[in-house]
Amino acid sequence: MNFELFIATRLTKSKEYKNSISSPIIKIAISAIALGLVMMLVSIATGIGLQRKIREKVAGFNGHVVISNFDNNQSKTTQQPISSVQDFYPEFTAVNGVKHIQVFATRPGIIRTESDFEGIVLKGVGTDYDWSFFKEYLVSGTVPVYNDKTSSDVLISQLISDRMQLKVGDTFDTFFVKENSNTLPSRRVFNVVGVYDSGFEEFDKSLLIGDIKQVQRLNKWNANQVGGFEVFIDDFNQIDTTSKEIYQTIDATLDSRNLFEQYPQIFEWLQLFDGNIAIIIIIMVVVAGINMITALLVLILERTQLIGVLKTLGANSWSVRKIFLYNASYIIGRGLLIGNVIGLLLLFLQYQFEWITLDPQNYYVHVAPVYITVYQIVLLNVGTLLLCLLMMLIPSIIITKINPSKSVKFS
């Protein structure tokens, strides 16, 4: 039988323990641990959730890796085309971890209505385009369906729809300036078949999704010329490794850039969340530990006579310390249990009902996304328990200073 565990269990189950002077302090310690765990769960789930959601949105607009002409000059109106006849297209089998590849081409233009105008970028896509991302954020209408015939159907954002007073079924004029030419700009009439709202203003404010054959005609390209390829990979955490393999696989005249290289400012901002989460966890663990130290000291002082009796009966200091460490573990365990129930319930309610909203202009999302794994929950609980117990070792040293003869003398 574990002598120390037996004594600690009897102490925690006794009525005197529940009605003792230390009872309010123990309740405060349990509450502090529970509140700290709730804060840690919420900070981790929302921080990681926001990172994942923003990464998904950026990838949904651009793919994880973009392959384009090595000589592309971003200052030019027209992209430098590359041939769609490539060894890696339509199936990128040379690199493991590639999920999908699709062609695209872009051309800047201006939407013109009777009352207003707006600068846009027409992104032309083909029959191989994966619409799953835009279907998730579709507000009205449907996504375009493209085939062998040139289509005038386009998908616009809610921002463009509101600014230009356009809705599903409307048609509008778009003008495209010809580079190095004094002739009149090219005019195209597009039909709105769908409106999406991703909440990512950086893309929503100007992006227009249309048929790639429209861009090919505007740029005077043939059917085999495209602006580039968007590559989607299975594991985002392997994006650096996979993008390097892609770069080494493609032709020397082609260039490839992953999301980190295309949008460094966004991902540098996302990395700040890791630091914020770490700070919150450290503060919460320290606060919980200090409360537990206070509770343990009160428990020890309250049980001074018991300590003296145990030492008189032959128990050594470490054995007595273990009794109070078991007692502290019980308190920490209760706090963790309560914190898990409350924290996971709050996260479930947010996931189910999305009752906490965010400003998309600042956070790129409409609601606070949550994401947490069982592994993270277990690691957080075990880490909190171990750190708090380690902090308990120092105040438990006071037990070694208690003289059995003096503590029993005044019992």
Protein backbone atom coordinates (compact mmCIF):
# COMPACT_ATOMS: atom_id res chain seq x y z
CA MET A 1 0.00 0.00 0.00
CA ASN A 2 1.18 3.52 -0.76
CA PHE A 3 1.25 4.98 2.76
CA GLU A 4 1.53 8.61 1.64
CA LEU A 5 -1.29 8.33 -0.91
CA PHE A 6 -3.52 6.62 1.68
CA ILE A 7 -3.05 9.44 4.22
CA ALA A 8 -3.54 12.11 1.55
CA THR A 9 -6.77 10.44 0.36
CA ARG A 10 -8.15 10.23 3.90
CA LEU A 11 -7.33 13.89 4.46
CA THR A 12 -9.06 15.09 1.31
CA LYS A 13 -12.20 13.04 2.03
CA SER A 14 -12.55 14.03 5.66
CA LYS A 15 -15.25 16.48 6.75
CA GLU A 16 -12.68 18.46 8.72
CA TYR A 17 -10.78 19.06 5.49
CA LYS A 18 -13.84 20.50 3.77
CA ASN A 19 -14.77 22.71 6.74
CA SER A 20 -11.24 23.74 7.70
CA ILE A 21 -9.78 27.23 7.79
CA SER A 22 -7.90 26.48 4.58
CA SER A 23 -11.08 25.55 2.69
CA PRO A 24 -11.69 29.05 1.19
CA ILE A 25 -8.04 29.30 0.17
CA ILE A 26 -8.21 25.87 -1.48
CA LYS A 27 -11.33 26.93 -3.38
CA ILE A 28 -9.55 30.07 -4.56
CA ALA A 29 -6.58 27.95 -5.72
CA ILE A 30 -8.90 25.57 -7.60
CA SER A 31 -10.68 28.53 -9.20
CA ALA A 32 -7.36 30.10 -10.21
CA ILE A 33 -6.20 26.88 -11.87
CA ALA A 34 -9.55 26.42 -13.62
CA LEU A 35 -9.61 30.02 -14.86
CA GLY A 36 -6.01 29.79 -15.98
CA LEU A 37 -6.67 26.62 -17.95
CA VAL A 38 -9.74 28.19 -19.57
CA MET A 39 -7.65 31.18 -20.65
CA MET A 40 -4.92 28.91 -22.01
CA LEU A 41 -7.38 26.71 -23.93
CA VAL A 42 -9.13 29.73 -25.43
CA SER A 43 -5.88 31.48 -26.37
CA ILE A 44 -4.42 28.37 -28.02
CA ALA A 45 -7.64 27.43 -29.84
CA THR A 46 -8.34 30.94 -31.14
CA GLY A 47 -4.71 31.70 -31.98
CA ILE A 48 -4.15 28.49 -33.91
CA GLY A 49 -7.64 28.70 -35.40
CA LEU A 50 -6.98 32.20 -36.72
CA GLN A 51 -3.62 31.18 -38.16
CA ARG A 52 -5.13 28.17 -39.92
CA LYS A 53 -8.11 30.09 -41.30
CA ILE A 54 -5.99 32.92 -42.71
CA ARG A 55 -3.56 30.41 -44.22
CA GLU A 56 -6.48 28.59 -45.84
CA LYS A 57 -7.81 31.83 -47.29
CA VAL A 58 -4.50 32.97 -48.74
CA ALA A 59 -3.98 29.49 -50.22
CA GLY A 60 -7.55 29.47 -51.55
CA PHE A 61 -6.87 32.62 -53.56
CA ASN A 62 -3.37 31.72 -54.76
CA GLY A 63 -2.50 28.10 -54.09
CA HIS A 64 0.38 27.10 -51.81
CA VAL A 65 2.99 27.52 -54.54
CA VAL A 66 2.74 29.59 -57.74
CA ILE A 67 4.73 28.66 -60.84
CA SER A 68 5.18 31.48 -63.33
CA ASN A 69 7.56 32.82 -65.98
CA PHE A 70 10.99 33.58 -64.53
CA ASP A 71 11.14 36.84 -66.49
CA ASN A 72 7.78 38.19 -65.30
CA ASN A 73 7.93 41.93 -64.74
CA GLN A 74 5.32 42.93 -62.17
CA SER A 75 5.22 46.49 -63.49
CA LYS A 76 3.85 45.35 -66.83
CA THR A 77 0.14 45.22 -67.52
CA THR A 78 0.38 41.86 -69.24
CA GLN A 79 1.93 38.73 -67.76
CA GLN A 80 4.64 36.92 -69.64
CA PRO A 81 2.94 33.70 -70.77
CA ILE A 82 4.22 30.20 -70.32
CA SER A 83 3.12 27.05 -72.08
CA SER A 84 0.56 24.82 -70.39
CA VAL A 85 2.26 21.85 -72.02
CA GLN A 86 4.50 20.82 -69.12
CA ASP A 87 5.67 17.52 -67.64
CA PHE A 88 4.10 18.47 -64.29
CA TYR A 89 0.69 19.34 -65.71
CA PRO A 90 -2.09 18.23 -65.31
CA GLU A 91 -0.64 15.76 -62.74
CA PHE A 92 2.38 16.77 -60.67
CA THR A 93 3.75 13.30 -59.97
CA ALA A 94 7.43 14.21 -59.73
CA VAL A 95 7.02 15.70 -56.23
CA ASN A 96 5.36 13.90 -53.33
CA GLY A 97 2.71 15.77 -51.37
CA VAL A 98 1.21 17.73 -54.29
CA LYS A 99 -2.58 17.51 -54.13
CA HIS A 100 -3.73 19.56 -57.12
CA ILE A 101 -2.42 21.89 -59.83
CA GLN A 102 -4.42 24.36 -61.93
CA VAL A 103 -3.75 27.06 -64.52
CA PHE A 104 -4.53 30.77 -64.20
CA ALA A 105 -3.87 34.13 -65.87
CA THR A 106 -4.51 37.68 -64.70
CA ARG A 107 -5.19 41.03 -66.34
CA PRO A 108 -5.92 44.34 -64.57
CA GLY A 109 -8.89 46.36 -65.72
CA ILE A 110 -11.57 48.87 -64.72
CA ILE A 111 -15.26 48.18 -64.08
CA ARG A 112 -17.39 50.98 -65.45
CA THR A 113 -21.04 51.57 -64.58
CA GLU A 114 -23.33 54.55 -65.17
CA SER A 115 -22.47 56.06 -61.81
CA ASP A 116 -19.06 54.73 -60.77
CA PHE A 117 -15.88 52.88 -61.72
CA GLU A 118 -13.58 50.51 -59.87
CA GLY A 119 -10.13 49.06 -60.54
CA ILE A 120 -10.08 45.25 -60.58
CA VAL A 121 -7.90 42.30 -61.48
CA LEU A 122 -9.51 39.71 -63.71
CA LYS A 123 -8.23 36.28 -62.73
CA GLY A 124 -8.88 33.81 -65.50
CA VAL A 125 -9.27 30.16 -64.54
CA GLY A 126 -9.94 27.02 -66.54
CA THR A 127 -11.94 23.82 -66.38
CA ASP A 128 -9.44 22.36 -63.89
CA TYR A 129 -10.12 25.04 -61.26
CA ASP A 130 -11.04 23.86 -57.76
CA TRP A 131 -14.07 25.89 -56.64
CA SER A 132 -14.34 24.39 -53.14
CA PHE A 133 -12.84 27.49 -51.49
CA PHE A 134 -15.26 29.95 -53.11
CA LYS A 135 -18.25 27.65 -52.53
CA GLU A 136 -17.58 27.93 -48.79
CA TYR A 137 -17.86 31.73 -48.92
CA LEU A 138 -20.59 32.03 -51.55
CA VAL A 139 -23.20 34.62 -50.54
CA SER A 140 -25.57 34.40 -53.50
CA GLY A 141 -25.76 32.77 -56.90
CA THR A 142 -23.38 30.02 -57.88
CA VAL A 143 -19.82 29.54 -59.08
CA PRO A 144 -19.21 29.80 -62.86
CA VAL A 145 -19.00 26.69 -64.99
CA TYR A 146 -16.44 26.88 -67.79
CA ASN A 147 -16.06 24.54 -70.77
CA ASP A 148 -14.57 24.67 -74.27
CA LYS A 149 -16.59 27.78 -75.19
CA THR A 150 -15.60 31.23 -74.01
CA SER A 151 -17.82 32.34 -71.13
CA SER A 152 -18.72 35.84 -69.90
CA ASP A 153 -19.81 34.59 -66.47
CA VAL A 154 -17.80 35.92 -63.52
CA LEU A 155 -17.70 35.63 -59.76
CA ILE A 156 -17.35 38.90 -57.85
CA SER A 157 -16.81 39.74 -54.19
CA GLN A 158 -19.35 41.28 -51.84
CA LEU A 159 -17.16 44.39 -51.60
CA ILE A 160 -17.25 44.95 -55.37
CA SER A 161 -20.96 44.11 -55.41
CA ASP A 162 -21.70 46.78 -52.76
CA ARG A 163 -19.46 49.45 -54.28
CA MET A 164 -20.68 49.01 -57.82
CA GLN A 165 -24.31 48.11 -56.95
CA LEU A 166 -24.07 44.82 -58.80
CA LYS A 167 -26.01 41.66 -58.01
CA VAL A 168 -26.46 38.19 -59.48
CA GLY A 169 -27.85 38.43 -63.02
CA ASP A 170 -26.47 41.93 -63.71
CA THR A 171 -24.10 42.69 -66.59
CA PHE A 172 -21.36 45.31 -66.56
CA ASP A 173 -18.63 46.76 -68.77
CA THR A 174 -14.97 46.22 -68.01
CA PHE A 175 -12.18 48.02 -69.85
CA PHE A 176 -8.62 46.71 -70.23
CA VAL A 177 -5.82 49.08 -71.21
CA LYS A 178 -3.56 47.88 -74.01
CA GLU A 179 0.11 48.05 -73.11
CA ASN A 180 2.38 50.23 -75.28
CA SER A 181 -0.52 51.27 -77.46
CA ASN A 182 -2.40 54.49 -78.13
CA THR A 183 -5.53 52.66 -79.24
CA LEU A 184 -8.74 52.54 -77.22
CA PRO A 185 -8.88 50.04 -74.36
CA SER A 186 -10.48 46.66 -74.92
CA ARG A 187 -14.06 46.35 -73.67
CA ARG A 188 -15.66 43.23 -72.27
CA VAL A 189 -19.18 42.70 -70.95
CA PHE A 190 -19.40 40.27 -68.04
CA ASN A 191 -22.36 38.62 -66.36
CA VAL A 192 -22.48 38.20 -62.57
CA VAL A 193 -23.40 34.61 -61.68
CA GLY A 194 -22.19 34.60 -58.09
CA VAL A 195 -21.11 36.79 -55.18
CA TYR A 196 -18.67 35.63 -52.49
CA ASP A 197 -17.50 37.18 -49.23
CA SER A 198 -14.27 35.76 -47.80
CA GLY A 199 -13.69 38.64 -45.37
CA PHE A 200 -10.15 39.02 -46.75
CA GLU A 201 -10.35 42.62 -47.96
CA GLU A 202 -6.88 42.57 -49.50
CA PHE A 203 -8.19 40.18 -52.17
CA ASP A 204 -11.92 40.86 -52.09
CA LYS A 205 -11.57 44.54 -52.97
CA SER A 206 -10.21 43.87 -56.47
CA LEU A 207 -10.44 40.22 -57.49
CA LEU A 208 -12.78 39.12 -60.27
CA ILE A 209 -12.88 35.41 -61.19
CA GLY A 210 -13.56 34.75 -64.88
CA ASP A 211 -12.83 32.49 -67.82
CA ILE A 212 -9.13 32.13 -68.66
CA LYS A 213 -10.02 32.25 -72.36
CA GLN A 214 -11.08 35.88 -71.87
CA VAL A 215 -7.62 36.74 -70.57
CA GLN A 216 -5.96 34.78 -73.37
CA ARG A 217 -7.90 36.79 -75.96
CA LEU A 218 -7.10 40.09 -74.26
CA ASN A 219 -3.41 39.21 -74.16
CA LYS A 220 -3.47 37.73 -77.67
CA TRP A 221 -2.25 34.37 -76.44
CA ASN A 222 -2.98 31.01 -77.97
CA ALA A 223 -4.92 28.26 -76.19
CA ASN A 224 -1.76 26.68 -74.75
CA GLN A 225 -0.44 29.87 -73.14
CA VAL A 226 -1.26 30.67 -69.51
CA GLY A 227 -0.05 33.07 -66.85
CA GLY A 228 1.05 30.38 -64.43
CA PHE A 229 0.14 27.40 -62.29
CA GLU A 230 -1.25 27.25 -58.77
CA VAL A 231 -0.04 24.23 -56.81
CA PHE A 232 -1.83 22.89 -53.73
CA ILE A 233 -0.04 20.58 -51.30
CA ASP A 234 -1.32 18.10 -48.71
CA ASP A 235 0.60 19.31 -45.64
CA PHE A 236 1.03 23.04 -45.09
CA ASN A 237 3.79 22.40 -42.54
CA GLN A 238 5.89 20.95 -45.37
CA ILE A 239 5.44 23.95 -47.65
CA ASP A 240 9.11 25.02 -47.51
CA THR A 241 10.42 21.56 -48.34
CA THR A 242 7.82 20.90 -51.02
CA SER A 243 8.27 24.29 -52.68
CA LYS A 244 12.04 23.72 -52.92
CA GLU A 245 11.43 20.34 -54.56
CA ILE A 246 9.01 21.96 -57.00
CA TYR A 247 11.56 24.64 -57.88
CA GLN A 248 14.20 22.01 -58.55
CA THR A 249 11.80 19.97 -60.70
CA ILE A 250 10.47 22.68 -63.04
CA ASP A 251 12.27 24.09 -66.08
CA ALA A 252 15.04 26.66 -65.61
CA THR A 253 12.95 29.30 -67.40
CA LEU A 254 10.22 28.99 -64.75
CA ASP A 255 10.08 30.35 -61.23
CA SER A 256 8.15 29.15 -58.18
CA ARG A 257 7.22 31.07 -55.05
CA ASN A 258 5.38 29.81 -51.98
CA LEU A 259 2.96 31.78 -49.82
CA PHE A 260 5.66 32.91 -47.39
CA GLU A 261 7.60 34.48 -50.25
CA GLN A 262 4.54 36.07 -51.86
CA TYR A 263 2.95 37.50 -48.69
CA PRO A 264 5.70 37.80 -46.03
CA GLN A 265 3.92 40.60 -44.17
CA ILE A 266 0.84 38.45 -43.52
CA PHE A 267 2.77 35.47 -42.20
CA GLU A 268 5.13 37.60 -40.12
CA TRP A 269 2.01 39.04 -38.48
CA LEU A 270 0.66 35.52 -37.88
CA GLN A 271 3.89 34.48 -36.19
CA LEU A 272 3.27 37.12 -33.52
CA PHE A 273 0.36 34.99 -32.30
CA ASP A 274 2.81 32.27 -31.20
CA GLY A 275 4.56 34.75 -28.91
CA ASN A 276 1.27 36.04 -27.51
CA ILE A 277 0.06 32.50 -26.78
CA ALA A 278 3.34 31.65 -25.03
CA ILE A 279 3.12 34.77 -22.84
CA ILE A 280 -0.47 33.99 -21.83
CA ILE A 281 0.44 30.39 -20.93
CA ILE A 282 3.44 31.50 -18.84
CA ILE A 283 1.40 34.12 -16.96
CA MET A 284 -1.47 31.70 -16.27
CA VAL A 285 0.85 28.93 -15.04
CA VAL A 286 2.72 31.36 -12.76
CA VAL A 287 -0.54 32.72 -11.31
CA ALA A 288 -1.89 29.21 -10.75
CA GLY A 289 1.42 28.15 -9.21
CA ILE A 290 1.51 31.09 -6.79
CA ASN A 291 -2.03 30.31 -5.66
CA MET A 292 -1.08 26.68 -5.14
CA ILE A 293 2.01 27.67 -3.13
CA THR A 294 -0.20 29.77 -0.86
CA ALA A 295 -2.72 26.94 -0.47
CA LEU A 296 0.02 24.40 0.28
CA LEU A 297 1.64 26.60 2.92
CA VAL A 298 -1.72 27.03 4.64
CA LEU A 299 -2.32 23.28 4.50
CA ILE A 300 1.09 22.58 6.03
CA LEU A 301 0.66 25.12 8.82
CA GLU A 302 -2.83 23.82 9.51
CA ARG A 303 -1.55 20.23 9.77
CA THR A 304 1.54 20.96 11.87
CA GLN A 305 0.40 18.64 14.64
CA LEU A 306 -0.21 15.82 12.14
CA ILE A 307 3.28 16.32 10.74
CA GLY A 308 4.74 16.08 14.22
CA VAL A 309 2.84 12.87 14.96
CA LEU A 310 3.92 11.28 11.67
CA LYS A 311 7.56 12.18 12.29
CA THR A 312 7.32 10.82 15.85
CA LEU A 313 6.00 7.55 14.44
CA GLY A 314 9.04 7.29 12.19
CA ALA A 315 8.00 8.96 8.92
CA ASN A 316 10.84 10.87 7.28
CA SER A 317 10.51 14.40 5.90
CA TRP A 318 10.28 13.31 2.26
CA SER A 319 7.48 10.87 3.08
CA VAL A 320 5.51 13.64 4.80
CA ARG A 321 6.21 16.00 1.89
CA LYS A 322 4.78 13.42 -0.49
CA ILE A 323 1.51 13.42 1.47
CA PHE A 324 1.07 17.14 0.88
CA LEU A 325 2.22 16.87 -2.72
CA TYR A 326 -0.47 14.24 -3.28
CA ASN A 327 -2.90 16.62 -1.61
CA ALA A 328 -1.78 19.42 -3.92
CA SER A 329 -2.15 17.11 -6.92
CA TYR A 330 -5.77 16.51 -5.92
CA ILE A 331 -6.42 20.26 -5.79
CA ILE A 332 -4.68 20.86 -9.12
CA GLY A 333 -6.58 17.94 -10.67
CA ARG A 334 -9.93 19.39 -9.61
CA GLY A 335 -8.98 22.75 -11.03
CA LEU A 336 -7.89 21.17 -14.32
CA LEU A 337 -11.11 19.14 -14.55
CA ILE A 338 -13.30 22.19 -14.02
CA GLY A 339 -11.17 24.26 -16.40
CA ASN A 340 -11.37 21.62 -19.13
CA VAL A 341 -15.15 21.36 -18.87
CA ILE A 342 -15.68 25.13 -18.99
CA GLY A 343 -12.99 25.84 -21.59
CA LEU A 344 -13.99 23.10 -24.02
CA LEU A 345 -17.66 24.01 -23.61
CA LEU A 346 -16.90 27.63 -24.53
CA LEU A 347 -14.89 26.51 -27.55
CA PHE A 348 -17.67 24.18 -28.67
CA LEU A 349 -20.27 26.96 -28.37
CA GLN A 350 -18.06 29.30 -30.41
CA TYR A 351 -17.48 26.62 -33.05
CA GLN A 352 -21.18 25.77 -33.24
CA PHE A 353 -22.81 29.20 -32.97
CA GLU A 354 -19.97 31.65 -33.86
CA TRP A 355 -21.14 34.16 -31.26
CA ILE A 356 -17.80 36.04 -31.05
CA THR A 357 -17.25 38.15 -34.17
CA LEU A 358 -14.16 40.00 -35.40
CA ASP A 359 -13.51 42.94 -37.69
CA PRO A 360 -12.42 41.45 -41.06
CA GLN A 361 -10.47 44.62 -41.88
CA ASN A 362 -8.11 43.85 -38.99
CA TYR A 363 -8.27 40.05 -38.69
CA TYR A 364 -9.32 38.91 -42.20
CA VAL A 365 -12.19 36.85 -40.72
CA HIS A 366 -15.78 37.59 -39.69
CA VAL A 367 -15.87 35.29 -36.64
CA ALA A 368 -13.22 34.04 -34.22
CA PRO A 369 -12.22 30.59 -35.51
CA VAL A 370 -11.27 27.88 -33.02
CA TYR A 371 -9.08 24.84 -33.53
CA ILE A 372 -7.51 22.52 -30.99
CA THR A 373 -6.43 18.89 -31.00
CA VAL A 374 -6.59 16.18 -28.32
CA TYR A 375 -2.79 16.14 -28.29
CA GLN A 376 -2.67 19.87 -27.46
CA ILE A 377 -5.26 19.47 -24.70
CA VAL A 378 -3.38 16.56 -23.10
CA LEU A 379 -0.03 18.36 -23.40
CA LEU A 380 -1.46 21.52 -21.83
CA ASN A 381 -2.99 19.62 -18.89
CA VAL A 382 0.06 17.46 -18.22
CA GLY A 383 2.40 20.44 -18.56
CA THR A 384 0.33 22.56 -16.15
CA LEU A 385 0.16 19.71 -13.61
CA LEU A 386 3.90 19.02 -13.72
CA LEU A 387 4.93 22.69 -13.56
CA CYS A 388 2.63 23.36 -10.62
CA LEU A 389 3.94 20.29 -8.77
CA LEU A 390 7.52 21.37 -9.39
CA MET A 391 6.66 24.75 -7.90
CA MET A 392 5.24 22.90 -4.86
CA LEU A 393 8.58 21.28 -4.06
CA ILE A 394 10.07 24.52 -2.75
CA PRO A 395 7.37 25.45 -0.19
CA SER A 396 7.12 21.81 0.95
CA ILE A 397 10.66 22.16 2.32
CA ILE A 398 9.09 23.88 5.32
CA ILE A 399 8.03 20.40 6.49
CA THR A 400 11.67 19.52 7.15
CA LYS A 401 11.91 22.50 9.54
CA ILE A 402 9.05 21.33 11.75
CA ASN A 403 10.29 19.90 15.06
CA PRO A 404 8.19 16.87 16.13
CA SER A 405 8.62 17.49 19.85
CA LYS A 406 7.45 21.10 19.63
CA SER A 407 4.52 20.43 17.28
CA VAL A 408 3.20 17.51 19.38
CA LYS A 409 3.82 19.30 22.67
CA PHE A 410 1.05 21.83 21.99
CA SER A 411 -1.44 19.41 20.46
